[in-house]
Amino acid sequence: MISSMIAEIIYDGELSTTAYIILALMFLLIIGGLFWCFYRAIVAANKGARKQHPDEI
């Protein structure tokens, strides 16, 4: 009864175009999130830093 209501899954060994788009968006989201995280960490680390002057010779 339930098996007649569920569509048969046909797998041809490749992802669909929609799956590639979702995969690309997730990849960009992860890379973008990591970039944002490291950027915020660098900005926070430089917040109290003084300007460095070269040593006098």
N, C-alpha and C. Protein backbone atom coordinates (compact mmCIF):
# COMPACT_ATOMS: atom_id res chain seq x y z
N MET A 1 0.81 -1.19 0.00
CA MET A 1 0.00 0.00 0.00
C MET A 1 0.86 1.27 0.00
N ILE A 2 1.79 1.36 0.97
CA ILE A 2 2.64 2.55 1.04
C ILE A 2 3.63 2.56 -0.12
N SER A 3 4.12 1.40 -0.51
CA SER A 3 5.10 1.35 -1.59
C SER A 3 4.51 1.82 -2.92
N SER A 4 3.21 1.74 -3.09
CA SER A 4 2.60 2.23 -4.32
C SER A 4 2.50 3.76 -4.32
N MET A 5 2.57 4.40 -3.15
CA MET A 5 2.47 5.86 -3.06
C MET A 5 3.84 6.52 -3.19
N ILE A 6 4.91 5.79 -2.97
CA ILE A 6 6.27 6.33 -3.03
C ILE A 6 6.80 6.16 -4.44
N ALA A 7 7.39 7.23 -4.97
CA ALA A 7 7.93 7.18 -6.32
C ALA A 7 9.20 6.33 -6.34
N GLU A 8 9.43 5.68 -7.43
CA GLU A 8 10.63 4.87 -7.60
C GLU A 8 11.82 5.79 -7.84
N ILE A 9 12.92 5.51 -7.17
CA ILE A 9 14.12 6.32 -7.30
C ILE A 9 14.99 5.71 -8.39
N ILE A 10 15.30 6.54 -9.38
CA ILE A 10 16.17 6.10 -10.47
C ILE A 10 17.46 6.91 -10.37
N TYR A 11 18.56 6.22 -10.10
CA TYR A 11 19.85 6.89 -9.93
C TYR A 11 20.73 6.54 -11.12
N ASP A 12 21.15 7.58 -11.85
CA ASP A 12 21.96 7.36 -13.04
C ASP A 12 23.45 7.63 -12.81
N GLY A 13 23.86 7.85 -11.56
CA GLY A 13 25.28 8.03 -11.27
C GLY A 13 25.75 9.47 -11.31
N GLU A 14 24.87 10.43 -11.56
CA GLU A 14 25.25 11.84 -11.61
C GLU A 14 24.27 12.67 -10.82
N LEU A 15 24.75 13.84 -10.36
CA LEU A 15 23.89 14.77 -9.66
C LEU A 15 23.09 15.59 -10.66
N SER A 16 21.95 16.05 -10.24
CA SER A 16 21.14 16.90 -11.10
C SER A 16 21.68 18.33 -11.05
N THR A 17 21.18 19.17 -11.92
CA THR A 17 21.60 20.57 -11.95
C THR A 17 21.24 21.26 -10.64
N THR A 18 20.08 20.97 -10.11
CA THR A 18 19.66 21.55 -8.83
C THR A 18 20.61 21.14 -7.71
N ALA A 19 21.03 19.89 -7.71
CA ALA A 19 21.96 19.42 -6.68
C ALA A 19 23.31 20.14 -6.79
N TYR A 20 23.78 20.38 -8.01
CA TYR A 20 25.04 21.10 -8.19
C TYR A 20 24.91 22.55 -7.71
N ILE A 21 23.77 23.17 -7.96
CA ILE A 21 23.56 24.55 -7.51
C ILE A 21 23.55 24.62 -5.99
N ILE A 22 22.84 23.69 -5.35
CA ILE A 22 22.79 23.65 -3.89
C ILE A 22 24.19 23.38 -3.33
N LEU A 23 24.92 22.46 -3.93
CA LEU A 23 26.28 22.15 -3.49
C LEU A 23 27.19 23.36 -3.61
N ALA A 24 27.09 24.10 -4.71
CA ALA A 24 27.90 25.31 -4.91
C ALA A 24 27.55 26.38 -3.88
N LEU A 25 26.26 26.57 -3.62
CA LEU A 25 25.85 27.57 -2.63
C LEU A 25 26.34 27.21 -1.23
N MET A 26 26.27 25.96 -0.88
CA MET A 26 26.76 25.54 0.44
C MET A 26 28.28 25.73 0.54
N PHE A 27 28.98 25.42 -0.53
CA PHE A 27 30.43 25.60 -0.55
C PHE A 27 30.77 27.08 -0.39
N LEU A 28 30.07 27.95 -1.12
CA LEU A 28 30.32 29.39 -1.00
C LEU A 28 29.95 29.91 0.39
N LEU A 29 28.90 29.37 0.97
CA LEU A 29 28.50 29.78 2.31
C LEU A 29 29.57 29.40 3.33
N ILE A 30 30.13 28.22 3.22
CA ILE A 30 31.16 27.78 4.15
C ILE A 30 32.44 28.60 3.97
N ILE A 31 32.87 28.79 2.73
CA ILE A 31 34.09 29.59 2.47
C ILE A 31 33.88 31.03 2.91
N GLY A 32 32.71 31.60 2.59
CA GLY A 32 32.41 32.97 3.00
C GLY A 32 32.37 33.12 4.51
N GLY A 33 31.81 32.13 5.21
CA GLY A 33 31.75 32.16 6.66
C GLY A 33 33.13 32.08 7.29
N LEU A 34 33.98 31.24 6.74
CA LEU A 34 35.35 31.16 7.25
C LEU A 34 36.12 32.45 7.01
N PHE A 35 35.95 33.05 5.82
CA PHE A 35 36.61 34.32 5.52
C PHE A 35 36.13 35.40 6.49
N TRP A 36 34.82 35.47 6.72
CA TRP A 36 34.27 36.47 7.63
C TRP A 36 34.81 36.27 9.05
N CYS A 37 34.87 35.02 9.47
CA CYS A 37 35.36 34.70 10.82
C CYS A 37 36.82 35.13 10.99
N PHE A 38 37.68 34.79 10.04
CA PHE A 38 39.09 35.18 10.13
C PHE A 38 39.25 36.69 10.02
N TYR A 39 38.45 37.34 9.19
CA TYR A 39 38.51 38.79 9.06
C TYR A 39 38.16 39.46 10.39
N ARG A 40 37.09 38.99 11.04
CA ARG A 40 36.69 39.55 12.32
C ARG A 40 37.76 39.31 13.39
N ALA A 41 38.42 38.16 13.36
CA ALA A 41 39.48 37.87 14.32
C ALA A 41 40.67 38.79 14.11
N ILE A 42 41.03 39.06 12.87
CA ILE A 42 42.16 39.95 12.59
C ILE A 42 41.83 41.37 13.00
N VAL A 43 40.61 41.81 12.71
CA VAL A 43 40.20 43.16 13.11
C VAL A 43 40.20 43.29 14.63
N ALA A 44 39.72 42.29 15.33
CA ALA A 44 39.69 42.33 16.80
C ALA A 44 41.11 42.32 17.37
N ALA A 45 42.02 41.60 16.74
CA ALA A 45 43.39 41.54 17.24
C ALA A 45 44.12 42.86 17.02
N ASN A 46 43.76 43.59 15.98
CA ASN A 46 44.43 44.86 15.67
C ASN A 46 43.79 46.05 16.35
N LYS A 47 42.71 45.87 17.06
CA LYS A 47 41.97 47.00 17.62
C LYS A 47 42.81 47.82 18.61
N GLY A 48 43.57 47.17 19.47
CA GLY A 48 44.35 47.90 20.48
C GLY A 48 45.81 48.04 20.11
N ALA A 49 46.19 47.66 18.91
CA ALA A 49 47.60 47.69 18.52
C ALA A 49 48.04 49.12 18.21
N ARG A 50 49.27 49.42 18.64
CA ARG A 50 49.85 50.73 18.31
C ARG A 50 50.59 50.62 16.99
N LYS A 51 50.83 51.76 16.36
CA LYS A 51 51.58 51.79 15.13
C LYS A 51 53.04 51.48 15.43
N GLN A 52 53.62 50.61 14.63
CA GLN A 52 55.00 50.22 14.84
C GLN A 52 55.92 51.09 13.97
N HIS A 53 56.94 51.62 14.60
CA HIS A 53 57.91 52.46 13.89
C HIS A 53 59.19 51.66 13.70
N PRO A 54 59.91 51.89 12.61
CA PRO A 54 61.16 51.18 12.42
C PRO A 54 62.20 51.61 13.48
N ASP A 55 63.08 50.72 13.82
CA ASP A 55 64.12 51.03 14.81
C ASP A 55 65.05 52.10 14.25
N GLU A 56 65.52 52.98 15.14
CA GLU A 56 66.47 53.99 14.72
C GLU A 56 67.87 53.38 14.70
N ILE A 57 68.60 53.75 13.69
CA ILE A 57 69.96 53.22 13.55
C ILE A 57 70.95 54.27 13.98
